């Protein structure tokens, strides 16, 4: 996997097939407050990249492509995103990460939809996305017997954050 941090004032994240992950510096500085939030983003993008969940689009290269253009090409419909959220939830659960953080991440995007407008396109869809994921969680809670304990973020995570904030 290859990770890229793009210096940008706009928060966004996306992936490309072949495990290429892109995060904006603003996203990390402003919204990624602990390691678990970073795991949530990586899980979402990993599922998407591994399963090649991208709209089939033909793009004719004509030079460079802006970030806003890339994000518009990579947008998915709400139901597809909710399915990825479910898979990411199960992935986090399986490796013992606090799954409550995943809902928190969606709520952060919903509360800050103006900041994420470039990523979301249609800002109302994030509310529906969150509601559908909450319905899934309500069903899932019935099956959960033991919730994992949050252990806190590691020193490496805070070193990573410090390097980005410089």
C-alpha atoms as a PDB file:
ATOM      1  CA  UNK A   1       0.000   0.000   0.000  1.00  0.00           C
ATOM      2  CA  UNK A   2       1.112   3.530  -0.747  1.00  0.00           C
ATOM      3  CA  UNK A   3      -0.065   6.527   1.270  1.00  0.00           C
ATOM      4  CA  UNK A   4       0.079  10.112   0.040  1.00  0.00           C
ATOM      5  CA  UNK A   5      -0.480  13.240   2.119  1.00  0.00           C
ATOM      6  CA  UNK A   6      -1.590  16.088  -0.138  1.00  0.00           C
ATOM      7  CA  UNK A   7      -1.029  19.591   1.195  1.00  0.00           C
ATOM      8  CA  UNK A   8      -4.453  21.181   0.944  1.00  0.00           C
ATOM      9  CA  UNK A   9      -6.737  23.443   2.962  1.00  0.00           C
ATOM     10  CA  UNK A  10      -9.713  21.299   1.974  1.00  0.00           C
ATOM     11  CA  UNK A  11     -10.317  18.083   3.940  1.00  0.00           C
ATOM     12  CA  UNK A  12     -10.681  15.013   1.729  1.00  0.00           C
ATOM     13  CA  UNK A  13      -9.641  11.395   1.346  1.00  0.00           C
ATOM     14  CA  UNK A  14      -9.793   8.963  -1.533  1.00  0.00           C
ATOM     15  CA  UNK A  15      -8.172   5.848  -2.878  1.00  0.00           C
ATOM     16  CA  UNK A  16      -7.352   4.442  -6.257  1.00  0.00           C
ATOM     17  CA  UNK A  17      -7.189   0.789  -7.273  1.00  0.00           C
ATOM     18  CA  UNK A  18      -3.975  -0.931  -6.273  1.00  0.00           C
ATOM     19  CA  UNK A  19      -3.963   0.327  -2.656  1.00  0.00           C
ATOM     20  CA  UNK A  20      -3.082   3.947  -3.366  1.00  0.00           C
ATOM     21  CA  UNK A  21      -4.459   6.114  -0.554  1.00  0.00           C
ATOM     22  CA  UNK A  22      -4.659   9.915  -0.525  1.00  0.00           C
ATOM     23  CA  UNK A  23      -5.384  12.123   2.502  1.00  0.00           C
ATOM     24  CA  UNK A  24      -5.287  15.901   2.672  1.00  0.00           C
ATOM     25  CA  UNK A  25      -3.152  17.566   5.321  1.00  0.00           C
ATOM     26  CA  UNK A  26      -6.195  19.587   6.419  1.00  0.00           C
ATOM     27  CA  UNK A  27      -8.180  16.404   7.039  1.00  0.00           C
ATOM     28  CA  UNK A  28      -5.468  15.037   9.293  1.00  0.00           C
ATOM     29  CA  UNK A  29      -4.814  18.301  11.137  1.00  0.00           C
ATOM     30  CA  UNK A  30      -8.445  19.191  11.734  1.00  0.00           C
ATOM     31  CA  UNK A  31     -10.390  15.949  12.017  1.00  0.00           C
ATOM     32  CA  UNK A  32      -8.137  12.988  12.800  1.00  0.00           C
ATOM     33  CA  UNK A  33      -7.848  13.377  16.561  1.00  0.00           C
ATOM     34  CA  UNK A  34      -6.884   9.800  17.434  1.00  0.00           C
ATOM     35  CA  UNK A  35      -5.529   6.649  15.880  1.00  0.00           C
ATOM     36  CA  UNK A  36      -8.934   4.979  15.752  1.00  0.00           C
ATOM     37  CA  UNK A  37     -10.279   7.734  13.463  1.00  0.00           C
ATOM     38  CA  UNK A  38      -7.354   7.119  11.123  1.00  0.00           C
ATOM     39  CA  UNK A  39      -8.148   3.391  11.154  1.00  0.00           C
ATOM     40  CA  UNK A  40     -11.743   4.208  10.177  1.00  0.00           C
ATOM     41  CA  UNK A  41     -10.599   6.162   7.120  1.00  0.00           C
ATOM     42  CA  UNK A  42      -8.076   3.546   6.102  1.00  0.00           C
ATOM     43  CA  UNK A  43     -10.623   0.720   6.511  1.00  0.00           C
ATOM     44  CA  UNK A  44     -13.138   2.532   4.281  1.00  0.00           C
ATOM     45  CA  UNK A  45     -10.574   3.244   1.564  1.00  0.00           C
ATOM     46  CA  UNK A  46      -8.977  -0.212   1.849  1.00  0.00           C
ATOM     47  CA  UNK A  47     -12.341  -1.907   1.266  1.00  0.00           C
ATOM     48  CA  UNK A  48     -12.969   0.345  -1.694  1.00  0.00           C
ATOM     49  CA  UNK A  49      -9.536  -0.224  -3.216  1.00  0.00           C
ATOM     50  CA  UNK A  50      -9.440  -3.988  -2.616  1.00  0.00           C
ATOM     51  CA  UNK A  51     -12.897  -4.543  -4.092  1.00  0.00           C
ATOM     52  CA  UNK A  52     -12.373  -1.966  -6.898  1.00  0.00           C
ATOM     53  CA  UNK A  53     -15.583  -0.145  -6.007  1.00  0.00           C
ATOM     54  CA  UNK A  54     -15.337   2.695  -8.473  1.00  0.00           C
ATOM     55  CA  UNK A  55     -17.787   3.902 -11.075  1.00  0.00           C
ATOM     56  CA  UNK A  56     -16.773   2.873 -14.573  1.00  0.00           C
ATOM     57  CA  UNK A  57     -15.681   6.141 -16.156  1.00  0.00           C
ATOM     58  CA  UNK A  58     -13.679   6.805 -19.258  1.00  0.00           C
ATOM     59  CA  UNK A  59     -11.326   9.727 -18.777  1.00  0.00           C
ATOM     60  CA  UNK A  60      -9.303  11.057 -21.663  1.00  0.00           C
ATOM     61  CA  UNK A  61      -6.033  12.474 -20.331  1.00  0.00           C
ATOM     62  CA  UNK A  62      -5.537  16.083 -21.369  1.00  0.00           C
ATOM     63  CA  UNK A  63      -2.829  17.103 -18.909  1.00  0.00           C
ATOM     64  CA  UNK A  64      -3.187  17.456 -15.179  1.00  0.00           C
ATOM     65  CA  UNK A  65      -6.401  16.800 -13.302  1.00  0.00           C
ATOM     66  CA  UNK A  66      -7.550  18.920 -10.367  1.00  0.00           C
ATOM     67  CA  UNK A  67      -8.387  17.406  -6.999  1.00  0.00           C
ATOM     68  CA  UNK A  68     -12.009  18.524  -7.337  1.00  0.00           C
ATOM     69  CA  UNK A  69     -12.250  16.687 -10.682  1.00  0.00           C
ATOM     70  CA  UNK A  70     -10.733  13.514  -9.209  1.00  0.00           C
ATOM     71  CA  UNK A  71     -13.141  13.632  -6.252  1.00  0.00           C
ATOM     72  CA  UNK A  72     -16.130  14.147  -8.555  1.00  0.00           C
ATOM     73  CA  UNK A  73     -15.127  11.109 -10.640  1.00  0.00           C
ATOM     74  CA  UNK A  74     -14.677   8.953  -7.519  1.00  0.00           C
ATOM     75  CA  UNK A  75     -18.068   9.712  -5.899  1.00  0.00           C
ATOM     76  CA  UNK A  76     -20.389   6.794  -5.255  1.00  0.00           C
ATOM     77  CA  UNK A  77     -24.114   6.671  -4.653  1.00  0.00           C
ATOM     78  CA  UNK A  78     -25.322   6.612  -1.039  1.00  0.00           C
ATOM     79  CA  UNK A  79     -26.282   2.929  -0.938  1.00  0.00           C
ATOM     80  CA  UNK A  80     -22.863   1.867  -2.237  1.00  0.00           C
ATOM     81  CA  UNK A  81     -21.148   3.983   0.422  1.00  0.00           C
ATOM     82  CA  UNK A  82     -23.323   2.457   3.148  1.00  0.00           C
ATOM     83  CA  UNK A  83     -22.305  -1.038   1.997  1.00  0.00           C
ATOM     84  CA  UNK A  84     -18.644  -0.019   2.228  1.00  0.00           C
ATOM     85  CA  UNK A  85     -19.349   1.359   5.726  1.00  0.00           C
ATOM     86  CA  UNK A  86     -20.756  -2.019   6.747  1.00  0.00           C
ATOM     87  CA  UNK A  87     -17.708  -3.878   5.428  1.00  0.00           C
ATOM     88  CA  UNK A  88     -15.379  -1.374   7.119  1.00  0.00           C
ATOM     89  CA  UNK A  89     -17.315  -1.816  10.378  1.00  0.00           C
ATOM     90  CA  UNK A  90     -16.864  -5.606  10.230  1.00  0.00           C
ATOM     91  CA  UNK A  91     -13.181  -5.190   9.359  1.00  0.00           C
ATOM     92  CA  UNK A  92     -12.580  -2.896  12.349  1.00  0.00           C
ATOM     93  CA  UNK A  93     -14.560  -5.211  14.615  1.00  0.00           C
ATOM     94  CA  UNK A  94     -12.588  -8.227  13.462  1.00  0.00           C
ATOM     95  CA  UNK A  95      -9.221  -6.638  14.229  1.00  0.00           C
ATOM     96  CA  UNK A  96     -10.395  -5.382  17.627  1.00  0.00           C
ATOM     97  CA  UNK A  97     -10.718  -1.648  16.910  1.00  0.00           C
ATOM     98  CA  UNK A  98     -13.430   0.406  18.636  1.00  0.00           C
ATOM     99  CA  UNK A  99     -16.277   0.327  16.101  1.00  0.00           C
ATOM    100  CA  UNK A 100     -18.126   3.240  17.770  1.00  0.00           C
ATOM    101  CA  UNK A 101     -15.528   5.521  16.222  1.00  0.00           C
ATOM    102  CA  UNK A 102     -16.795   4.668  12.761  1.00  0.00           C
ATOM    103  CA  UNK A 103     -20.169   6.246  13.489  1.00  0.00           C
ATOM    104  CA  UNK A 104     -18.372   9.183  15.090  1.00  0.00           C
ATOM    105  CA  UNK A 105     -16.438   9.688  11.866  1.00  0.00           C
ATOM    106  CA  UNK A 106     -19.653   9.806   9.798  1.00  0.00           C
ATOM    107  CA  UNK A 107     -21.160  12.247  12.290  1.00  0.00           C
ATOM    108  CA  UNK A 108     -18.106  14.498  12.024  1.00  0.00           C
ATOM    109  CA  UNK A 109     -18.508  14.586   8.241  1.00  0.00           C
ATOM    110  CA  UNK A 110     -22.232  15.296   8.626  1.00  0.00           C
ATOM    111  CA  UNK A 111     -21.709  18.139  11.133  1.00  0.00           C
ATOM    112  CA  UNK A 112     -18.998  19.643   8.942  1.00  0.00           C
ATOM    113  CA  UNK A 113     -20.615  19.015   5.579  1.00  0.00           C
ATOM    114  CA  UNK A 114     -19.560  22.444   4.270  1.00  0.00           C
ATOM    115  CA  UNK A 115     -15.906  21.514   4.835  1.00  0.00           C
ATOM    116  CA  UNK A 116     -16.480  18.196   3.057  1.00  0.00           C
ATOM    117  CA  UNK A 117     -18.581  19.659   0.210  1.00  0.00           C
ATOM    118  CA  UNK A 118     -15.855  18.963  -2.353  1.00  0.00           C
ATOM    119  CA  UNK A 119     -15.725  15.314  -1.294  1.00  0.00           C
ATOM    120  CA  UNK A 120     -19.465  14.793  -0.859  1.00  0.00           C
ATOM    121  CA  UNK A 121     -20.836  16.720  -3.818  1.00  0.00           C
ATOM    122  CA  UNK A 122     -24.420  16.483  -2.570  1.00  0.00           C
ATOM    123  CA  UNK A 123     -24.214  17.580   1.072  1.00  0.00           C
ATOM    124  CA  UNK A 124     -27.646  16.176   1.982  1.00  0.00           C
ATOM    125  CA  UNK A 125     -26.578  12.637   1.119  1.00  0.00           C
ATOM    126  CA  UNK A 126     -24.293  12.416   4.168  1.00  0.00           C
ATOM    127  CA  UNK A 127     -27.342  12.734   6.468  1.00  0.00           C
ATOM    128  CA  UNK A 128     -29.044   9.839   4.695  1.00  0.00           C
ATOM    129  CA  UNK A 129     -25.807   7.876   4.719  1.00  0.00           C
ATOM    130  CA  UNK A 130     -25.499   8.371   8.479  1.00  0.00           C
ATOM    131  CA  UNK A 131     -29.149   7.410   9.079  1.00  0.00           C
ATOM    132  CA  UNK A 132     -28.814   4.201   7.047  1.00  0.00           C
ATOM    133  CA  UNK A 133     -25.619   3.273   8.859  1.00  0.00           C
ATOM    134  CA  UNK A 134     -27.312   3.908  12.236  1.00  0.00           C
ATOM    135  CA  UNK A 135     -30.127   1.512  11.253  1.00  0.00           C
ATOM    136  CA  UNK A 136     -27.508  -1.098  10.442  1.00  0.00           C
ATOM    137  CA  UNK A 137     -25.840  -0.480  13.836  1.00  0.00           C
ATOM    138  CA  UNK A 138     -29.135  -0.856  15.704  1.00  0.00           C
ATOM    139  CA  UNK A 139     -29.514  -4.333  14.201  1.00  0.00           C
ATOM    140  CA  UNK A 140     -25.868  -5.087  14.867  1.00  0.00           C
ATOM    141  CA  UNK A 141     -26.047  -4.040  18.550  1.00  0.00           C
ATOM    142  CA  UNK A 142     -28.507  -6.834  19.186  1.00  0.00           C
ATOM    143  CA  UNK A 143     -25.760  -9.285  18.219  1.00  0.00           C
ATOM    144  CA  UNK A 144     -22.878  -7.668  20.132  1.00  0.00           C
ATOM    145  CA  UNK A 145     -22.107  -9.265  23.458  1.00  0.00           C
ATOM    146  CA  UNK A 146     -18.766  -7.691  24.277  1.00  0.00           C
ATOM    147  CA  UNK A 147     -17.492  -4.278  23.207  1.00  0.00           C
ATOM    148  CA  UNK A 148     -13.740  -3.811  22.772  1.00  0.00           C
ATOM    149  CA  UNK A 149     -11.967  -1.427  25.107  1.00  0.00           C
ATOM    150  CA  UNK A 150     -10.387   1.688  23.648  1.00  0.00           C
ATOM    151  CA  UNK A 151      -6.687   1.635  24.444  1.00  0.00           C
ATOM    152  CA  UNK A 152      -5.734   5.150  23.282  1.00  0.00           C
ATOM    153  CA  UNK A 153      -3.422   6.231  20.514  1.00  0.00           C
ATOM    154  CA  UNK A 154       0.223   5.231  20.278  1.00  0.00           C
ATOM    155  CA  UNK A 155       3.267   7.508  20.355  1.00  0.00           C
ATOM    156  CA  UNK A 156       3.837   6.769  16.664  1.00  0.00           C
ATOM    157  CA  UNK A 157       0.429   8.232  15.861  1.00  0.00           C
ATOM    158  CA  UNK A 158       1.214  11.481  17.704  1.00  0.00           C
ATOM    159  CA  UNK A 159       4.615  11.654  15.996  1.00  0.00           C
ATOM    160  CA  UNK A 160       2.812  11.240  12.657  1.00  0.00           C
ATOM    161  CA  UNK A 161       0.388  14.059  13.574  1.00  0.00           C
ATOM    162  CA  UNK A 162       3.278  16.285  14.657  1.00  0.00           C
ATOM    163  CA  UNK A 163       5.045  15.769  11.333  1.00  0.00           C
ATOM    164  CA  UNK A 164       1.907  16.692   9.386  1.00  0.00           C
ATOM    165  CA  UNK A 165       1.213  19.816  11.461  1.00  0.00           C
ATOM    166  CA  UNK A 166       4.679  21.261  10.822  1.00  0.00           C
END
